[in-house]
Structure formats: C-alpha cells, structure tokens
C-alpha atoms as a PDB file:
ATOM      1  CA  UNK A   1      71.491 -44.442  41.922  1.00  0.00           C
ATOM      2  CA  UNK A   2      73.630 -47.302  41.550  1.00  0.00           C
ATOM      3  CA  UNK A   3      77.222 -45.265  41.311  1.00  0.00           C
ATOM      4  CA  UNK A   4      76.329 -43.558  44.649  1.00  0.00           C
ATOM      5  CA  UNK A   5      75.456 -47.086  46.065  1.00  0.00           C
ATOM      6  CA  UNK A   6      78.644 -48.233  45.059  1.00  0.00           C
ATOM      7  CA  UNK A   7      80.441 -45.110  46.731  1.00  0.00           C
ATOM      8  CA  UNK A   8      78.556 -45.558  49.763  1.00  0.00           C
ATOM      9  CA  UNK A   9      79.540 -49.285  50.211  1.00  0.00           C
ATOM     10  CA  UNK A  10      82.874 -48.257  49.334  1.00  0.00           C
ATOM     11  CA  UNK A  11      83.452 -45.313  51.718  1.00  0.00           C
ATOM     12  CA  UNK A  12      81.941 -47.617  54.666  1.00  0.00           C
ATOM     13  CA  UNK A  13      84.546 -48.529  57.551  1.00  0.00           C
ATOM     14  CA  UNK A  14      85.985 -51.705  56.861  1.00  0.00           C
ATOM     15  CA  UNK A  15      84.707 -54.686  59.823  1.00  0.00           C
ATOM     16  CA  UNK A  16      88.064 -55.068  61.817  1.00  0.00           C
ATOM     17  CA  UNK A  17      89.398 -58.157  63.241  1.00  0.00           C
ATOM     18  CA  UNK A  18      89.466 -58.734  67.104  1.00  0.00           C
ATOM     19  CA  UNK A  19      92.561 -59.667  68.565  1.00  0.00           C
ATOM     20  CA  UNK A  20      93.216 -63.390  69.355  1.00  0.00           C
ATOM     21  CA  UNK A  21      94.553 -64.926  72.280  1.00  0.00           C
ATOM     22  CA  UNK A  22      96.960 -67.428  71.500  1.00  0.00           C
ATOM     23  CA  UNK A  23      98.437 -68.140  74.460  1.00  0.00           C
ATOM     24  CA  UNK A  24      98.471 -67.814  78.285  1.00  0.00           C
ATOM     25  CA  UNK A  25     100.933 -68.417  81.210  1.00  0.00           C
ATOM     26  CA  UNK A  26     100.064 -67.856  84.855  1.00  0.00           C
ATOM     27  CA  UNK A  27     102.527 -68.185  88.006  1.00  0.00           C
ATOM     28  CA  UNK A  28     102.784 -66.860  91.031  1.00  0.00           C
ATOM     29  CA  UNK A  29      99.810 -64.173  90.541  1.00  0.00           C
ATOM     30  CA  UNK A  30     101.038 -63.365  87.375  1.00  0.00           C
ATOM     31  CA  UNK A  31      99.743 -63.430  83.981  1.00  0.00           C
ATOM     32  CA  UNK A  32     101.398 -63.621  80.439  1.00  0.00           C
ATOM     33  CA  UNK A  33      98.686 -63.290  77.873  1.00  0.00           C
ATOM     34  CA  UNK A  34     100.298 -63.429  73.905  1.00  0.00           C
ATOM     35  CA  UNK A  35      97.874 -61.717  71.641  1.00  0.00           C
ATOM     36  CA  UNK A  36      97.797 -61.241  67.705  1.00  0.00           C
ATOM     37  CA  UNK A  37      96.215 -58.696  66.048  1.00  0.00           C
ATOM     38  CA  UNK A  38      96.596 -57.081  62.738  1.00  0.00           C
ATOM     39  CA  UNK A  39      97.515 -53.839  63.932  1.00  0.00           C
ATOM     40  CA  UNK A  40      97.974 -50.922  61.726  1.00  0.00           C
ATOM     41  CA  UNK A  41      98.978 -47.974  63.810  1.00  0.00           C
ATOM     42  CA  UNK A  42      96.969 -45.856  66.370  1.00  0.00           C
ATOM     43  CA  UNK A  43      94.131 -45.721  64.349  1.00  0.00           C
ATOM     44  CA  UNK A  44      93.249 -49.862  65.265  1.00  0.00           C
ATOM     45  CA  UNK A  45      95.192 -51.786  67.156  1.00  0.00           C
ATOM     46  CA  UNK A  46      94.671 -54.301  70.468  1.00  0.00           C
ATOM     47  CA  UNK A  47      94.632 -52.067  73.371  1.00  0.00           C
ATOM     48  CA  UNK A  48      94.228 -54.426  76.137  1.00  0.00           C
ATOM     49  CA  UNK A  49      93.265 -57.721  78.167  1.00  0.00           C
ATOM     50  CA  UNK A  50      91.088 -58.703  80.984  1.00  0.00           C
ATOM     51  CA  UNK A  51      91.075 -61.448  82.960  1.00  0.00           C
ATOM     52  CA  UNK A  52      87.113 -62.507  84.106  1.00  0.00           C
ATOM     53  CA  UNK A  53      85.665 -65.361  86.208  1.00  0.00           C
ATOM     54  CA  UNK A  54      82.551 -67.208  84.515  1.00  0.00           C
ATOM     55  CA  UNK A  55      80.093 -64.822  85.930  1.00  0.00           C
ATOM     56  CA  UNK A  56      81.542 -61.946  84.078  1.00  0.00           C
ATOM     57  CA  UNK A  57      83.352 -60.207  86.851  1.00  0.00           C
ATOM     58  CA  UNK A  58      86.568 -58.791  86.064  1.00  0.00           C
ATOM     59  CA  UNK A  59      89.698 -59.595  87.844  1.00  0.00           C
ATOM     60  CA  UNK A  60      92.134 -57.309  86.369  1.00  0.00           C
ATOM     61  CA  UNK A  61      92.859 -55.217  83.311  1.00  0.00           C
ATOM     62  CA  UNK A  62      96.078 -55.009  81.342  1.00  0.00           C
ATOM     63  CA  UNK A  63      96.232 -51.861  79.058  1.00  0.00           C
ATOM     64  CA  UNK A  64      98.039 -52.005  76.223  1.00  0.00           C
ATOM     65  CA  UNK A  65      99.320 -48.027  75.357  1.00  0.00           C
ATOM     66  CA  UNK A  66     100.573 -48.222  72.099  1.00  0.00           C
ATOM     67  CA  UNK A  67     100.148 -50.112  68.583  1.00  0.00           C
ATOM     68  CA  UNK A  68     102.352 -53.039  68.129  1.00  0.00           C
ATOM     69  CA  UNK A  69     102.762 -53.093  64.252  1.00  0.00           C
ATOM     70  CA  UNK A  70     105.867 -54.949  63.582  1.00  0.00           C
ATOM     71  CA  UNK A  71     105.815 -57.156  67.189  1.00  0.00           C
ATOM     72  CA  UNK A  72     102.790 -59.779  66.128  1.00  0.00           C
ATOM     73  CA  UNK A  73     102.034 -61.825  68.159  1.00  0.00           C
ATOM     74  CA  UNK A  74     103.677 -60.196  71.078  1.00  0.00           C
ATOM     75  CA  UNK A  75     102.949 -60.914  75.428  1.00  0.00           C
ATOM     76  CA  UNK A  76     102.385 -58.866  78.084  1.00  0.00           C
ATOM     77  CA  UNK A  77     102.270 -59.376  81.887  1.00  0.00           C
ATOM     78  CA  UNK A  78     100.610 -58.329  84.386  1.00  0.00           C
ATOM     79  CA  UNK A  79      99.637 -59.361  88.006  1.00  0.00           C
ATOM     80  CA  UNK A  80      95.828 -60.473  89.246  1.00  0.00           C
ATOM     81  CA  UNK A  81      95.183 -61.939  92.313  1.00  0.00           C
ATOM     82  CA  UNK A  82      92.860 -64.742  91.786  1.00  0.00           C
ATOM     83  CA  UNK A  83      90.169 -65.843  94.735  1.00  0.00           C
ATOM     84  CA  UNK A  84      90.998 -68.933  96.269  1.00  0.00           C
ATOM     85  CA  UNK A  85      89.142 -71.989  94.751  1.00  0.00           C
ATOM     86  CA  UNK A  86      89.240 -70.281  91.169  1.00  0.00           C
ATOM     87  CA  UNK A  87      90.199 -73.421  89.011  1.00  0.00           C
ATOM     88  CA  UNK A  88      89.325 -71.378  85.630  1.00  0.00           C
ATOM     89  CA  UNK A  89      89.405 -67.860  84.024  1.00  0.00           C
ATOM     90  CA  UNK A  90      88.558 -66.209  81.017  1.00  0.00           C
ATOM     91  CA  UNK A  91      90.887 -63.923  79.354  1.00  0.00           C
ATOM     92  CA  UNK A  92      89.301 -61.147  76.939  1.00  0.00           C
ATOM     93  CA  UNK A  93      90.888 -59.050  74.255  1.00  0.00           C
ATOM     94  CA  UNK A  94      90.027 -55.359  73.261  1.00  0.00           C
ATOM     95  CA  UNK A  95      90.754 -53.210  70.354  1.00  0.00           C
ATOM     96  CA  UNK A  96      90.416 -49.290  70.401  1.00  0.00           C
ATOM     97  CA  UNK A  97      88.259 -49.606  67.740  1.00  0.00           C
ATOM     98  CA  UNK A  98      85.500 -52.005  68.219  1.00  0.00           C
ATOM     99  CA  UNK A  99      86.223 -52.371  72.329  1.00  0.00           C
ATOM    100  CA  UNK A 100      86.269 -55.896  73.990  1.00  0.00           C
ATOM    101  CA  UNK A 101      85.757 -58.562  72.081  1.00  0.00           C
ATOM    102  CA  UNK A 102      82.681 -61.400  72.449  1.00  0.00           C
ATOM    103  CA  UNK A 103      84.457 -64.482  72.539  1.00  0.00           C
ATOM    104  CA  UNK A 104      86.806 -65.400  75.509  1.00  0.00           C
ATOM    105  CA  UNK A 105      89.943 -67.801  76.171  1.00  0.00           C
ATOM    106  CA  UNK A 106      89.418 -70.134  78.694  1.00  0.00           C
ATOM    107  CA  UNK A 107      92.302 -70.964  80.733  1.00  0.00           C
ATOM    108  CA  UNK A 108      92.681 -73.431  83.429  1.00  0.00           C
ATOM    109  CA  UNK A 109      94.473 -72.796  86.476  1.00  0.00           C
ATOM    110  CA  UNK A 110      96.427 -75.399  87.572  1.00  0.00           C
END
C-alpha cells in the first residue's frame, strides 16, 4: 500500500509557478509589460497579461501565442485605452496551465 501511495504522489502534476510581472511602462496609451516565467515549451508557458481596474473590469488583454523558453524575462506591448481619471491599474498575468494568476501588480499612471 505504501508503494502505491508513493507512486501516486510521484505521478501527480507539479504545481506550476505563476508568471511574474517584472516591469510595466506606460506611454501614449501603450503598455510595455515585462514578464518572467519558467516556460518549458508548449506544455507550460506564460500566455498573456491584462490590464484591470480596481473593480476587476478588464481594459485590455495581450495574448502571447508561443513559449519564451530562451527569452526570459521578455517584454510585449499593447495599446489599451484607459478611461479619463483613472490613476492606477492592475496588471495580471496568465499561463496556459494554471490560467490567470491570483496576484496582480499595481501600476500608478502618472
């Protein structure tokens, strides 16, 4: 019985790491977001980031269409309209294995 239990634990999927937002730059309506993630290939990679308001409303999403195994960290950009009067946004990253991360990176708009 102990052997079977050990085999089950060994065969269970490893918990994946969420992508980390390393840096954000905003200028002229364009967000440049730098992510890091231990991409392993098509089976597990950072697949996007989005800009949200404090209430969770999504302003825009940048889909990442392929792994970045040998390019870490990496930066991708997207034009996203931010409503007038908004002073901060929240950047949330995603990976194809675990979906959207629970944590967000707060970014102040100057």
